[in-house]
Structures are given as structure tokens and as C-alpha cells.
C-alpha atoms as a PDB file:
ATOM      1  CA  MET A   1       0.000   0.000   0.000  1.00  0.00           C
ATOM      2  CA  LYS A   2       2.831   2.288   0.944  1.00  0.00           C
ATOM      3  CA  ASN A   3       4.693   1.512  -2.291  1.00  0.00           C
ATOM      4  CA  SER A   4       1.553   2.048  -4.337  1.00  0.00           C
ATOM      5  CA  LYS A   5       1.187   5.489  -2.850  1.00  0.00           C
ATOM      6  CA  LEU A   6       4.834   6.318  -3.554  1.00  0.00           C
ATOM      7  CA  ILE A   7       4.457   5.164  -7.160  1.00  0.00           C
ATOM      8  CA  LYS A   8       1.437   7.405  -7.646  1.00  0.00           C
ATOM      9  CA  ILE A   9       3.328  10.345  -6.161  1.00  0.00           C
ATOM     10  CA  ALA A  10       6.358   9.640  -8.416  1.00  0.00           C
ATOM     11  CA  PHE A  11       4.186   9.477 -11.522  1.00  0.00           C
ATOM     12  CA  ALA A  12       2.373  12.651 -10.487  1.00  0.00           C
ATOM     13  CA  VAL A  13       5.716  14.447 -10.053  1.00  0.00           C
ATOM     14  CA  CYS A  14       6.918  13.219 -13.458  1.00  0.00           C
ATOM     15  CA  ILE A  15       3.719  14.314 -15.139  1.00  0.00           C
ATOM     16  CA  PHE A  16       3.961  17.726 -13.447  1.00  0.00           C
ATOM     17  CA  ILE A  17       7.580  18.151 -14.555  1.00  0.00           C
ATOM     18  CA  SER A  18       6.636  16.968 -18.062  1.00  0.00           C
ATOM     19  CA  LEU A  19       3.912  19.604 -18.244  1.00  0.00           C
ATOM     20  CA  ILE A  20       6.358  22.322 -17.173  1.00  0.00           C
ATOM     21  CA  PHE A  21       9.029  21.206 -19.641  1.00  0.00           C
ATOM     22  CA  GLY A  22       6.416  20.772 -22.377  1.00  0.00           C
ATOM     23  CA  SER A  23       5.122  24.304 -21.801  1.00  0.00           C
ATOM     24  CA  ILE A  24       8.649  25.710 -22.036  1.00  0.00           C
ATOM     25  CA  VAL A  25       9.296  23.752 -25.244  1.00  0.00           C
ATOM     26  CA  LEU A  26       5.992  24.933 -26.706  1.00  0.00           C
ATOM     27  CA  LEU A  27       6.783  28.568 -25.906  1.00  0.00           C
ATOM     28  CA  ASN A  28      10.147  28.193 -27.637  1.00  0.00           C
ATOM     29  CA  ILE A  29       8.662  26.448 -30.659  1.00  0.00           C
ATOM     30  CA  ARG A  30       6.153  29.282 -31.059  1.00  0.00           C
ATOM     31  CA  ALA A  31       9.111  31.645 -31.699  1.00  0.00           C
ATOM     32  CA  VAL A  32      10.497  29.460 -34.510  1.00  0.00           C
ATOM     33  CA  PRO A  33       8.354  31.066 -37.283  1.00  0.00           C
ATOM     34  CA  GLU A  34       9.418  34.530 -36.110  1.00  0.00           C
ATOM     35  CA  TYR A  35      13.118  33.711 -36.248  1.00  0.00           C
ATOM     36  CA  THR A  36      12.649  31.913 -39.564  1.00  0.00           C
ATOM     37  CA  HIS A  37      10.868  34.946 -41.003  1.00  0.00           C
ATOM     38  CA  MET A  38      13.677  37.134 -39.680  1.00  0.00           C
ATOM     39  CA  MET A  39      16.252  35.037 -41.546  1.00  0.00           C
ATOM     40  CA  ASN A  40      14.165  35.144 -44.717  1.00  0.00           C
ATOM     41  CA  SER A  41      13.927  38.919 -44.371  1.00  0.00           C
ATOM     42  CA  GLY A  42      17.714  39.134 -44.122  1.00  0.00           C
ATOM     43  CA  LYS A  43      18.056  37.093 -47.303  1.00  0.00           C
ATOM     44  CA  GLN A  44      15.443  39.288 -48.987  1.00  0.00           C
ATOM     45  CA  MET A  45      17.406  42.417 -47.998  1.00  0.00           C
ATOM     46  CA  HIS A  46      20.587  40.973 -49.498  1.00  0.00           C
ATOM     47  CA  GLN A  47      18.715  40.216 -52.720  1.00  0.00           C
ATOM     48  CA  LEU A  48      17.194  43.710 -52.845  1.00  0.00           C
ATOM     49  CA  ILE A  49      20.582  45.392 -52.331  1.00  0.00           C
ATOM     50  CA  LEU A  50      22.149  43.252 -55.055  1.00  0.00           C
ATOM     51  CA  GLU A  51      19.332  44.141 -57.450  1.00  0.00           C
ATOM     52  CA  MET A  52      19.658  47.836 -56.546  1.00  0.00           C
ATOM     53  CA  LYS A  53      23.360  47.786 -57.430  1.00  0.00           C
ATOM     54  CA  LEU A  54      22.701  46.013 -60.732  1.00  0.00           C
ATOM     55  CA  GLN A  55      19.915  48.437 -61.649  1.00  0.00           C
ATOM     56  CA  ALA A  56      22.142  51.429 -60.829  1.00  0.00           C
ATOM     57  CA  LYS A  57      24.905  50.026 -63.064  1.00  0.00           C
ATOM     58  CA  ASP A  58      22.416  49.453 -65.885  1.00  0.00           C
ATOM     59  CA  TYR A  59      21.338  53.076 -65.611  1.00  0.00           C
ATOM     60  CA  LEU A  60      24.885  54.455 -65.620  1.00  0.00           C
ATOM     61  CA  LEU A  61      26.110  52.204 -68.443  1.00  0.00           C
ATOM     62  CA  TYR A  62      23.065  51.991 -70.704  1.00  0.00           C
ATOM     63  CA  ASN A  63      20.875  54.933 -69.617  1.00  0.00           C
ATOM     64  CA  GLN A  64      17.932  52.616 -68.994  1.00  0.00           C
ATOM     65  CA  LYS A  65      15.219  54.827 -67.542  1.00  0.00           C
ATOM     66  CA  ASP A  66      13.329  51.796 -66.216  1.00  0.00           C
ATOM     67  CA  SER A  67      16.239  51.180 -63.877  1.00  0.00           C
ATOM     68  CA  LEU A  68      15.424  54.382 -61.976  1.00  0.00           C
ATOM     69  CA  ASP A  69      11.933  53.162 -61.122  1.00  0.00           C
ATOM     70  CA  ASN A  70      13.291  49.719 -60.261  1.00  0.00           C
ATOM     71  CA  VAL A  71      15.780  51.174 -57.765  1.00  0.00           C
ATOM     72  CA  LYS A  72      13.018  53.221 -56.132  1.00  0.00           C
ATOM     73  CA  ASP A  73      10.837  50.099 -55.911  1.00  0.00           C
ATOM     74  CA  LYS A  74      13.657  48.181 -54.200  1.00  0.00           C
ATOM     75  CA  ILE A  75      14.146  51.016 -51.707  1.00  0.00           C
ATOM     76  CA  SER A  76      10.415  50.950 -50.933  1.00  0.00           C
ATOM     77  CA  GLU A  77      10.561  47.195 -50.349  1.00  0.00           C
ATOM     78  CA  LEU A  78      13.500  47.663 -47.967  1.00  0.00           C
ATOM     79  CA  ARG A  79      11.474  50.204 -46.016  1.00  0.00           C
ATOM     80  CA  LYS A  80       8.521  47.800 -45.812  1.00  0.00           C
ATOM     81  CA  VAL A  81      10.734  45.094 -44.309  1.00  0.00           C
ATOM     82  CA  LEU A  82      12.174  47.568 -41.808  1.00  0.00           C
ATOM     83  CA  TYR A  83       8.810  49.078 -40.817  1.00  0.00           C
ATOM     84  CA  PHE A  84       7.295  45.624 -40.321  1.00  0.00           C
ATOM     85  CA  TYR A  85       9.904  44.723 -37.722  1.00  0.00           C
ATOM     86  CA  GLU A  86       9.928  48.180 -36.179  1.00  0.00           C
ATOM     87  CA  LYS A  87       6.239  47.807 -35.222  1.00  0.00           C
ATOM     88  CA  THR A  88       6.101  44.096 -34.361  1.00  0.00           C
ATOM     89  CA  ALA A  89       5.826  43.050 -30.717  1.00  0.00           C
ATOM     90  CA  PHE A  90       8.311  40.199 -31.251  1.00  0.00           C
ATOM     91  CA  VAL A  91      11.205  42.562 -31.983  1.00  0.00           C
ATOM     92  CA  GLY A  92      10.129  44.632 -28.987  1.00  0.00           C
ATOM     93  CA  LYS A  93      11.308  41.731 -26.841  1.00  0.00           C
ATOM     94  CA  LEU A  94      14.744  42.040 -28.458  1.00  0.00           C
ATOM     95  CA  GLU A  95      15.163  45.655 -27.401  1.00  0.00           C
ATOM     96  CA  GLY A  96      18.659  46.966 -27.913  1.00  0.00           C
ATOM     97  CA  PHE A  97      19.545  44.497 -30.637  1.00  0.00           C
ATOM     98  CA  PHE A  98      18.157  46.363 -33.671  1.00  0.00           C
ATOM     99  CA  ASN A  99      19.026  50.021 -34.283  1.00  0.00           C
ATOM    100  CA  PHE A 100      16.077  50.945 -36.488  1.00  0.00           C
ATOM    101  CA  TYR A 101      16.884  54.664 -36.495  1.00  0.00           C
ATOM    102  CA  ALA A 102      20.372  54.107 -37.926  1.00  0.00           C
ATOM    103  CA  TRP A 103      19.037  51.713 -40.559  1.00  0.00           C
ATOM    104  CA  GLU A 104      16.222  54.043 -41.586  1.00  0.00           C
ATOM    105  CA  GLU A 105      18.720  56.880 -41.874  1.00  0.00           C
ATOM    106  CA  ALA A 106      20.998  54.716 -44.058  1.00  0.00           C
ATOM    107  CA  ILE A 107      18.106  53.931 -46.437  1.00  0.00           C
ATOM    108  CA  ASN A 108      17.095  57.606 -46.620  1.00  0.00           C
ATOM    109  CA  ILE A 109      20.671  58.710 -47.294  1.00  0.00           C
ATOM    110  CA  TYR A 110      21.023  56.032 -49.970  1.00  0.00           C
ATOM    111  CA  GLU A 111      17.873  57.287 -51.682  1.00  0.00           C
ATOM    112  CA  ARG A 112      19.033  60.914 -51.622  1.00  0.00           C
ATOM    113  CA  LEU A 113      22.498  59.983 -52.877  1.00  0.00           C
ATOM    114  CA  PHE A 114      20.998  58.004 -55.733  1.00  0.00           C
ATOM    115  CA  GLU A 115      18.877  61.014 -56.701  1.00  0.00           C
ATOM    116  CA  GLN A 116      22.041  63.145 -56.719  1.00  0.00           C
ATOM    117  CA  LEU A 117      23.787  60.512 -58.832  1.00  0.00           C
ATOM    118  CA  VAL A 118      20.978  60.724 -61.381  1.00  0.00           C
ATOM    119  CA  LEU A 119      21.266  64.527 -61.488  1.00  0.00           C
ATOM    120  CA  TYR A 120      25.056  64.427 -62.079  1.00  0.00           C
ATOM    121  CA  HIS A 121      24.687  61.726 -64.710  1.00  0.00           C
ATOM    122  CA  GLU A 122      21.982  63.649 -66.563  1.00  0.00           C
ATOM    123  CA  ALA A 123      24.055  66.843 -66.384  1.00  0.00           C
ATOM    124  CA  THR A 124      27.047  64.998 -67.864  1.00  0.00           C
ATOM    125  CA  ASP A 125      24.950  63.557 -70.692  1.00  0.00           C
ATOM    126  CA  LYS A 126      23.605  67.045 -71.391  1.00  0.00           C
ATOM    127  CA  ASN A 127      27.133  68.497 -71.569  1.00  0.00           C
ATOM    128  CA  ILE A 128      28.262  65.716 -73.915  1.00  0.00           C
ATOM    129  CA  ALA A 129      25.265  66.361 -76.187  1.00  0.00           C
ATOM    130  CA  GLU A 130      26.079  70.099 -76.180  1.00  0.00           C
ATOM    131  CA  ILE A 131      29.686  69.338 -77.197  1.00  0.00           C
ATOM    132  CA  ARG A 132      28.431  67.209 -80.080  1.00  0.00           C
ATOM    133  CA  ASN A 133      26.170  70.007 -81.279  1.00  0.00           C
ATOM    134  CA  LEU A 134      28.966  72.539 -80.868  1.00  0.00           C
ATOM    135  CA  GLU A 135      31.287  70.322 -82.914  1.00  0.00           C
ATOM    136  CA  LYS A 136      29.120  70.922 -85.982  1.00  0.00           C
ATOM    137  CA  ASN A 137      29.817  74.657 -85.771  1.00  0.00           C
ATOM    138  CA  ILE A 138      33.541  74.032 -85.181  1.00  0.00           C
ATOM    139  CA  LEU A 139      33.749  71.752 -88.227  1.00  0.00           C
ATOM    140  CA  ALA A 140      31.891  74.317 -90.311  1.00  0.00           C
ATOM    141  CA  VAL A 141      34.533  76.941 -89.478  1.00  0.00           C
ATOM    142  CA  ILE A 142      37.383  74.470 -90.052  1.00  0.00           C
ATOM    143  CA  TYR A 143      36.041  73.513 -93.501  1.00  0.00           C
ATOM    144  CA  SER A 144      35.768  77.198 -94.412  1.00  0.00           C
ATOM    145  CA  LYS A 145      39.542  77.636 -94.055  1.00  0.00           C
ATOM    146  CA  MET A 146      42.405  76.544 -96.263  1.00  0.00           C
ATOM    147  CA  ASN A 147      43.848  73.054 -95.674  1.00  0.00           C
ATOM    148  CA  PRO A 148      41.223  71.891 -93.125  1.00  0.00           C
ATOM    149  CA  GLU A 149      42.858  68.454 -92.708  1.00  0.00           C
ATOM    150  CA  ARG A 150      45.204  69.533 -89.887  1.00  0.00           C
ATOM    151  CA  GLY A 151      42.367  71.229 -88.051  1.00  0.00           C
ATOM    152  CA  ILE A 152      40.183  68.121 -88.331  1.00  0.00           C
ATOM    153  CA  ILE A 153      43.017  65.928 -87.039  1.00  0.00           C
ATOM    154  CA  ALA A 154      43.569  68.257 -84.057  1.00  0.00           C
ATOM    155  CA  LEU A 155      39.831  68.266 -83.284  1.00  0.00           C
ATOM    156  CA  GLN A 156      39.732  64.460 -83.482  1.00  0.00           C
ATOM    157  CA  GLU A 157      42.646  64.256 -81.058  1.00  0.00           C
ATOM    158  CA  ILE A 158      40.740  66.480 -78.643  1.00  0.00           C
ATOM    159  CA  ARG A 159      37.733  64.182 -78.795  1.00  0.00           C
ATOM    160  CA  ILE A 160      39.870  61.035 -78.428  1.00  0.00           C
ATOM    161  CA  HIS A 161      41.453  62.363 -75.239  1.00  0.00           C
ATOM    162  CA  GLU A 162      38.034  63.396 -73.927  1.00  0.00           C
ATOM    163  CA  LYS A 163      36.743  59.852 -74.479  1.00  0.00           C
ATOM    164  CA  GLY A 164      39.910  58.492 -72.865  1.00  0.00           C
ATOM    165  CA  TYR A 165      39.197  60.556 -69.783  1.00  0.00           C
ATOM    166  CA  ILE A 166      35.538  59.430 -69.645  1.00  0.00           C
ATOM    167  CA  ILE A 167      36.392  55.728 -70.024  1.00  0.00           C
ATOM    168  CA  TYR A 168      39.645  55.437 -68.058  1.00  0.00           C
ATOM    169  CA  ARG A 169      39.383  58.223 -65.446  1.00  0.00           C
ATOM    170  CA  ASN A 170      39.125  55.688 -62.585  1.00  0.00           C
ATOM    171  CA  TYR A 171      41.872  53.377 -63.829  1.00  0.00           C
ATOM    172  CA  PRO A 172      45.408  53.634 -62.370  1.00  0.00           C
ATOM    173  CA  ARG A 173      47.690  55.692 -64.593  1.00  0.00           C
ATOM    174  CA  PRO A 174      51.366  54.843 -65.173  1.00  0.00           C
ATOM    175  CA  PRO A 175      53.569  57.406 -63.365  1.00  0.00           C
ATOM    176  CA  ASP A 176      55.395  58.425 -66.561  1.00  0.00           C
ATOM    177  CA  GLU A 177      52.198  59.009 -68.583  1.00  0.00           C
ATOM    178  CA  ILE A 178      50.514  62.419 -68.739  1.00  0.00           C
ATOM    179  CA  THR A 179      46.819  62.747 -67.991  1.00  0.00           C
ATOM    180  CA  PHE A 180      44.108  62.793 -70.643  1.00  0.00           C
ATOM    181  CA  GLU A 181      43.312  66.381 -69.616  1.00  0.00           C
ATOM    182  CA  ASP A 182      46.905  67.442 -70.423  1.00  0.00           C
ATOM    183  CA  LYS A 183      46.808  65.524 -73.717  1.00  0.00           C
ATOM    184  CA  ARG A 184      43.600  67.340 -74.581  1.00  0.00           C
ATOM    185  CA  LYS A 185      45.215  70.724 -73.796  1.00  0.00           C
ATOM    186  CA  GLU A 186      48.085  69.847 -76.113  1.00  0.00           C
ATOM    187  CA  ALA A 187      45.678  68.923 -78.895  1.00  0.00           C
ATOM    188  CA  MET A 188      43.755  72.149 -78.233  1.00  0.00           C
ATOM    189  CA  THR A 189      46.983  74.169 -78.587  1.00  0.00           C
ATOM    190  CA  ASN A 190      47.683  72.471 -81.936  1.00  0.00           C
ATOM    191  CA  LEU A 191      44.195  73.376 -83.176  1.00  0.00           C
ATOM    192  CA  LEU A 192      44.569  77.020 -82.153  1.00  0.00           C
ATOM    193  CA  ILE A 193      48.014  77.237 -83.776  1.00  0.00           C
ATOM    194  CA  TRP A 194      46.530  75.900 -87.003  1.00  0.00           C
ATOM    195  CA  ALA A 195      43.626  78.367 -86.743  1.00  0.00           C
ATOM    196  CA  GLN A 196      46.136  81.268 -86.672  1.00  0.00           C
ATOM    197  CA  LYS A 197      44.215  83.316 -84.076  1.00  0.00           C
ATOM    198  CA  ASP A 198      40.890  82.920 -85.811  1.00  0.00           C
ATOM    199  CA  LYS A 199      38.384  84.481 -83.362  1.00  0.00           C
ATOM    200  CA  ARG A 200      35.619  82.151 -84.476  1.00  0.00           C
ATOM    201  CA  ILE A 201      37.657  79.064 -83.570  1.00  0.00           C
ATOM    202  CA  GLY A 202      38.817  80.715 -80.340  1.00  0.00           C
ATOM    203  CA  GLU A 203      35.298  81.528 -79.148  1.00  0.00           C
ATOM    204  CA  LEU A 204      33.949  78.097 -80.067  1.00  0.00           C
ATOM    205  CA  MET A 205      36.819  76.297 -78.330  1.00  0.00           C
ATOM    206  CA  ASP A 206      36.412  78.469 -75.207  1.00  0.00           C
ATOM    207  CA  GLU A 207      32.811  77.248 -75.060  1.00  0.00           C
ATOM    208  CA  ASP A 208      33.997  73.699 -75.753  1.00  0.00           C
ATOM    209  CA  ASN A 209      36.545  73.946 -72.895  1.00  0.00           C
ATOM    210  CA  GLN A 210      33.888  75.160 -70.482  1.00  0.00           C
ATOM    211  CA  LEU A 211      31.625  72.247 -71.361  1.00  0.00           C
ATOM    212  CA  PHE A 212      34.491  69.792 -70.833  1.00  0.00           C
ATOM    213  CA  LYS A 213      35.287  71.373 -67.451  1.00  0.00           C
ATOM    214  CA  ASN A 214      31.641  70.874 -66.503  1.00  0.00           C
ATOM    215  CA  ILE A 215      31.910  67.215 -67.556  1.00  0.00           C
ATOM    216  CA  VAL A 216      35.044  66.741 -65.433  1.00  0.00           C
ATOM    217  CA  LYS A 217      33.346  68.393 -62.450  1.00  0.00           C
ATOM    218  CA  ASN A 218      30.153  66.340 -62.820  1.00  0.00           C
ATOM    219  CA  TYR A 219      32.110  63.095 -63.174  1.00  0.00           C
ATOM    220  CA  LYS A 220      34.053  63.940 -60.012  1.00  0.00           C
ATOM    221  CA  TYR A 221      30.802  64.545 -58.133  1.00  0.00           C
ATOM    222  CA  GLN A 222      29.329  61.376 -59.658  1.00  0.00           C
ATOM    223  CA  ASP A 223      32.299  59.233 -58.608  1.00  0.00           C
ATOM    224  CA  ASP A 224      32.226  60.700 -55.090  1.00  0.00           C
ATOM    225  CA  THR A 225      28.504  59.950 -54.906  1.00  0.00           C
ATOM    226  CA  ILE A 226      29.073  56.361 -56.053  1.00  0.00           C
ATOM    227  CA  ASN A 227      31.631  55.891 -53.259  1.00  0.00           C
ATOM    228  CA  ALA A 228      29.158  57.334 -50.749  1.00  0.00           C
ATOM    229  CA  LEU A 229      26.472  54.975 -52.084  1.00  0.00           C
ATOM    230  CA  LYS A 230      28.785  52.020 -51.465  1.00  0.00           C
ATOM    231  CA  LYS A 231      29.235  53.061 -47.841  1.00  0.00           C
ATOM    232  CA  GLU A 232      25.486  53.342 -47.278  1.00  0.00           C
ATOM    233  CA  SER A 233      24.814  50.056 -49.060  1.00  0.00           C
ATOM    234  CA  ASP A 234      27.386  48.426 -46.752  1.00  0.00           C
ATOM    235  CA  LYS A 235      25.392  49.721 -43.779  1.00  0.00           C
ATOM    236  CA  ILE A 236      22.223  48.191 -45.215  1.00  0.00           C
ATOM    237  CA  ILE A 237      24.073  44.920 -45.850  1.00  0.00           C
ATOM    238  CA  ASN A 238      25.146  44.953 -42.194  1.00  0.00           C
ATOM    239  CA  MET A 239      21.480  45.363 -41.321  1.00  0.00           C
ATOM    240  CA  ALA A 240      20.634  42.281 -43.384  1.00  0.00           C
ATOM    241  CA  ASP A 241      23.485  40.397 -41.732  1.00  0.00           C
ATOM    242  CA  GLU A 242      22.125  41.277 -38.293  1.00  0.00           C
ATOM    243  CA  PHE A 243      18.726  39.893 -39.258  1.00  0.00           C
ATOM    244  CA  LEU A 244      20.362  36.689 -40.470  1.00  0.00           C
ATOM    245  CA  GLU A 245      22.580  36.470 -37.397  1.00  0.00           C
ATOM    246  CA  ARG A 246      19.741  37.110 -34.943  1.00  0.00           C
ATOM    247  CA  GLY A 247      17.436  34.654 -36.722  1.00  0.00           C
ATOM    248  CA  SER A 248      20.024  31.869 -36.840  1.00  0.00           C
ATOM    249  CA  GLN A 249      21.078  32.588 -33.251  1.00  0.00           C
ATOM    250  CA  GLY A 250      17.459  32.375 -32.090  1.00  0.00           C
ATOM    251  CA  LEU A 251      16.862  29.081 -33.893  1.00  0.00           C
ATOM    252  CA  TYR A 252      20.142  27.702 -32.543  1.00  0.00           C
ATOM    253  CA  THR A 253      19.154  28.639 -28.978  1.00  0.00           C
ATOM    254  CA  ILE A 254      15.670  27.158 -29.344  1.00  0.00           C
ATOM    255  CA  TYR A 255      17.040  23.900 -30.760  1.00  0.00           C
ATOM    256  CA  HIS A 256      19.563  23.376 -27.965  1.00  0.00           C
ATOM    257  CA  ARG A 257      17.117  24.471 -25.272  1.00  0.00           C
ATOM    258  CA  CYS A 258      14.443  22.057 -26.491  1.00  0.00           C
ATOM    259  CA  ALA A 259      17.011  19.284 -26.912  1.00  0.00           C
ATOM    260  CA  PHE A 260      18.306  19.844 -23.370  1.00  0.00           C
ATOM    261  CA  LEU A 261      14.787  19.825 -21.867  1.00  0.00           C
ATOM    262  CA  SER A 262      13.866  16.684 -23.818  1.00  0.00           C
ATOM    263  CA  VAL A 263      16.985  14.837 -22.660  1.00  0.00           C
ATOM    264  CA  MET A 264      16.438  15.944 -19.047  1.00  0.00           C
ATOM    265  CA  LEU A 265      12.808  14.841 -19.185  1.00  0.00           C
ATOM    266  CA  LEU A 266      13.816  11.476 -20.635  1.00  0.00           C
ATOM    267  CA  ILE A 267      16.438  11.010 -17.914  1.00  0.00           C
ATOM    268  CA  ILE A 268      13.913  11.864 -15.196  1.00  0.00           C
ATOM    269  CA  TRP A 269      11.418   9.315 -16.544  1.00  0.00           C
ATOM    270  CA  ILE A 270      14.104   6.645 -16.848  1.00  0.00           C
ATOM    271  CA  VAL A 271      15.332   7.296 -13.293  1.00  0.00           C
ATOM    272  CA  ILE A 272      11.778   7.201 -11.921  1.00  0.00           C
ATOM    273  CA  VAL A 273      10.907   4.005 -13.807  1.00  0.00           C
ATOM    274  CA  ILE A 274      14.134   2.307 -12.697  1.00  0.00           C
ATOM    275  CA  ALA A 275      13.550   3.403  -9.094  1.00  0.00           C
ATOM    276  CA  ILE A 276       9.987   2.070  -9.154  1.00  0.00           C
ATOM    277  CA  ALA A 277      11.117  -1.193 -10.759  1.00  0.00           C
ATOM    278  CA  VAL A 278      13.881  -1.665  -8.152  1.00  0.00           C
ATOM    279  CA  SER A 279      11.481  -0.819  -5.338  1.00  0.00           C
ATOM    280  CA  LEU A 280       8.911  -3.314  -6.592  1.00  0.00           C
ATOM    281  CA  PHE A 281      11.612  -5.957  -7.007  1.00  0.00           C
ATOM    282  CA  TYR A 282      12.830  -5.577  -3.418  1.00  0.00           C
ATOM    283  CA  ASP A 283       9.276  -5.436  -2.072  1.00  0.00           C
ATOM    284  CA  LYS A 284       8.445  -8.676  -3.876  1.00  0.00           C
ATOM    285  CA  ARG A 285      11.611 -10.313  -2.581  1.00  0.00           C
ATOM    286  CA  ASP A 286      10.859  -9.216   0.985  1.00  0.00           C
ATOM    287  CA  ALA A 287       7.296 -10.514   0.659  1.00  0.00           C
ATOM    288  CA  ASP A 288       8.557 -13.897  -0.571  1.00  0.00           C
ATOM    289  CA  ASN A 289      11.063 -14.124   2.252  1.00  0.00           C
ATOM    290  CA  PHE A 290       8.368 -13.256   4.773  1.00  0.00           C
ATOM    291  CA  SER A 291       6.066 -15.917   3.312  1.00  0.00           C
ATOM    292  CA  ARG A 292       8.781 -18.593   3.544  1.00  0.00           C
ATOM    293  CA  ALA A 293       9.498 -17.601   7.145  1.00  0.00           C
ATOM    294  CA  GLU A 294       5.847 -18.050   8.088  1.00  0.00           C
ATOM    295  CA  GLN A 295       5.678 -21.469   6.420  1.00  0.00           C
ATOM    296  CA  SER A 296       8.763 -22.672   8.222  1.00  0.00           C
END
């Protein structure tokens, strides 16, 4: 009778502990979708940033106007991901882990920098188009003079060095090689020498020089803006990495916590069952011994 009561108490204790452990496991499992969604959001951010970079390159290289709208769409999607987590109660429990203000500022700065990049790029294209239109007037004056071949060659050299600057301005230059700007000045001097102080050529080339200076200035601003965009995109990538890190860390913690509780619960049940079995074995042996003693 006494053993029966102890067995019932042991089973009751095991069931109680099982309920506690099961509740803890259930609470942890309920957080799995949140952490999984957080990891998926991090992957989505990485994909959006990659697509933004590709769209920006397409715009700069091929002047695809659709790329502008695509970049803006990607920025809007990034904001949606950020705003979702900024308002959710789940992230509220992780206070101090996510710096939403810094991330929102990085996205806003990226958007403004991209708008500036578009302005500089459009200004450069406009200056190049103006140079092309101006070249028609320069050629008209050159053809009106005697022996225009030398003037045409000098003008072609100017344009070649301008294109060299546009294409190779960001490439490392050998230390013994002069810059494309200096080569252009030399070609300009040759054209003016051939023109023999013709005021028409002088005025047109002064306008041409000013347009090229504007191109150089706009390209400098554009390159500086591209570097600034890279810094802000790195900040956004770090944001995506934090989502991935926090999501994987949460899943890792839940897995090991649930595994630990399951093992502990299994050990408790095994210990209780073994203890009950041993107790019953000794009780049966004592009862048999007592029965033999009475018979003798």
C-alpha cells in the first residue's frame, strides 16, 4: 500500500515536470516562425541590395530609364521590411539588438544619394550632347579655311582624349604618362596654332573647354557619390546580416534548449521508472522471504 502510494506520487511528479518542460518547449517552438521569417527577411534584404546595385549600373552604363523606377521600388521594399519589424511586438522583446533609427537613416541617405547621382549623370549627358552640337559649328569653321585636314586631325585628337578621360578616369595611370586632360590641352593648342588666331575658332573652343570642365566636375561629383552609395549600401548589408545572425542565433538557442529539456525529461522518466522497478523488485523479494518464514 505504501509503495503504491509512492508510485502514484512519483508518476504525479513526473507528469507535473513533463507539463512544465512541455510548456517551455511549446513557448520556444512558437518563436520558430518569427526567427525563420527574420532570416528570410535578411536574405530578402541581401537580394534587394544586389538588385539595386545592378539596376544602378544598368542606368549608368546603358541609360535605362526603367532602372530608376526599379531602384526606387527596391528602396520601398527595404522600407517595408524595416517598418514591419519596427512595429512588431516580437522585436520589442529584443530591445537593444536592432538600431532601427540608424538603418532608416541609411536607407534615406542612400535614396538621396541616388537622386544626386541621377542629377550628375543627366548633367554629364547634357554636356556631352552640347559638345556634339557645338562640334558641328567648329567643323563648319574648319572647312571654311584653307587646308582643313590639320584642323580636323587636331579636333579628333581632342575628342579622343576626352573619351579616354571618360572611359579610363578611374583606372590607375602609369607614373610616366601624362593625364588625358593634359593631352587634350596639347591637342587644343595644336588646333589654335593651325587656326592662326581665328576668333571664331577661339570663341567656339572656349565654349567647348567650359563644357568639358563641366563634364570633369560632374564626373568627379558622380564618382564621389558612387563611393558614398557604397558606404550606405554596406550599412544596409550589415542590417541584413544582423537579421540573419539574430534569426540563426534564435533558432540555434531554441534547438539546444528544447534538446536539453527533452533529454532531461527522458532522464527523469528513466530514473523514476528504474527506481519504481527496483522498489517493486525488493518489495516482492521481501514478501517472498516473509512468506517462507511463516511457512517454516
